[in-house]
Amino acid sequence: MRAGDRAWIILGCGVVAWELRCPEGELLSEAADRWVEHHPWLVRAVAFMLAAHVSNSVNPRYDLIHQLFRLRNHRRAAEP
């Protein structure tokens, strides 16, 4: 099992653990509902970008998350 596979498993377990043990009214979906209420377009745009990135549904040229990590790697390579 690769590191990315373990990361997805840990992330999923963390979500399930939170949903089972969180305080009343603090489910992740309830928090997202509050965010959508205050910033509807921003939240939906970020959710769309994340889903498109994870599912490889967008050309990497237009994938903002991909471009951010590419920039980070470029900067790291340029460091002495």
Protein backbone atom coordinates (compact mmCIF):
# COMPACT_ATOMS: atom_id res chain seq x y z
CA MET A 1 0.00 0.00 0.00
CA ARG A 2 1.36 3.37 -0.99
CA ALA A 3 1.47 6.54 1.10
CA GLY A 4 -1.41 8.15 -0.82
CA ASP A 5 -3.58 5.08 -0.24
CA ARG A 6 -2.90 5.26 3.49
CA ALA A 7 -3.68 8.98 3.47
CA TRP A 8 -7.12 8.34 1.90
CA ILE A 9 -7.86 5.63 4.46
CA ILE A 10 -6.80 7.89 7.33
CA LEU A 11 -8.86 10.76 5.93
CA GLY A 12 -11.93 8.54 5.59
CA CYS A 13 -11.51 7.13 9.10
CA GLY A 14 -11.14 10.65 10.47
CA VAL A 15 -14.38 11.75 8.80
CA VAL A 16 -16.27 8.72 10.13
CA ALA A 17 -14.82 9.21 13.62
CA TRP A 18 -15.82 12.89 13.63
CA GLU A 19 -19.33 12.16 12.41
CA LEU A 20 -19.80 9.55 15.16
CA ARG A 21 -18.39 11.64 18.02
CA CYS A 22 -18.99 15.30 17.11
CA PRO A 23 -21.08 17.68 19.21
CA GLU A 24 -24.73 18.13 18.28
CA GLY A 25 -25.09 20.32 15.20
CA GLU A 26 -21.43 19.95 14.17
CA LEU A 27 -21.59 17.27 11.47
CA LEU A 28 -19.32 18.14 8.57
CA SER A 29 -22.36 18.54 6.32
CA GLU A 30 -23.94 20.93 8.85
CA ALA A 31 -20.76 23.01 8.88
CA ALA A 32 -20.79 23.04 5.08
CA ASP A 33 -24.44 24.17 5.16
CA ARG A 34 -23.42 27.15 7.32
CA TRP A 35 -20.60 28.03 4.92
CA VAL A 36 -22.91 27.79 1.89
CA GLU A 37 -25.37 30.08 3.65
CA HIS A 38 -22.70 32.78 4.08
CA HIS A 39 -20.52 32.24 1.00
CA PRO A 40 -22.56 30.21 -1.51
CA TRP A 41 -20.48 30.77 -4.65
CA LEU A 42 -17.10 30.46 -2.96
CA VAL A 43 -17.98 27.19 -1.21
CA ARG A 44 -19.48 25.66 -4.34
CA ALA A 45 -16.50 26.76 -6.46
CA VAL A 46 -14.00 25.25 -4.02
CA ALA A 47 -16.02 22.02 -3.77
CA PHE A 48 -16.20 21.81 -7.57
CA MET A 49 -12.46 22.46 -7.97
CA LEU A 50 -11.59 19.84 -5.36
CA ALA A 51 -13.90 17.22 -6.89
CA ALA A 52 -12.59 17.96 -10.40
CA HIS A 53 -9.00 17.71 -9.18
CA VAL A 54 -9.43 14.44 -7.27
CA SER A 55 -11.38 12.79 -10.10
CA ASN A 56 -8.99 14.06 -12.81
CA SER A 57 -11.98 15.56 -14.63
CA VAL A 58 -10.17 18.68 -15.75
CA ASN A 59 -7.09 19.17 -17.87
CA PRO A 60 -4.09 19.78 -15.56
CA ARG A 61 -3.51 23.03 -17.44
CA TYR A 62 -6.78 24.40 -15.97
CA ASP A 63 -6.63 22.59 -12.62
CA LEU A 64 -5.86 25.30 -10.07
CA ILE A 65 -4.87 22.81 -7.36
CA HIS A 66 -2.49 21.06 -9.76
CA GLN A 67 -0.99 24.42 -10.73
CA LEU A 68 -0.46 25.41 -7.07
CA PHE A 69 1.49 22.22 -6.36
CA ARG A 70 3.43 22.62 -9.61
CA LEU A 71 4.42 26.12 -8.51
CA ARG A 72 5.44 24.81 -5.07
CA ASN A 73 7.60 22.10 -6.61
CA HIS A 74 9.15 24.61 -9.00
CA ARG A 75 10.07 26.89 -6.08
CA ARG A 76 11.53 23.99 -4.10
CA ALA A 77 13.68 22.97 -7.06
CA ALA A 78 14.98 26.54 -7.37
CA GLU A 79 16.07 26.72 -3.71
CA PRO A 80 19.81 26.39 -3.13
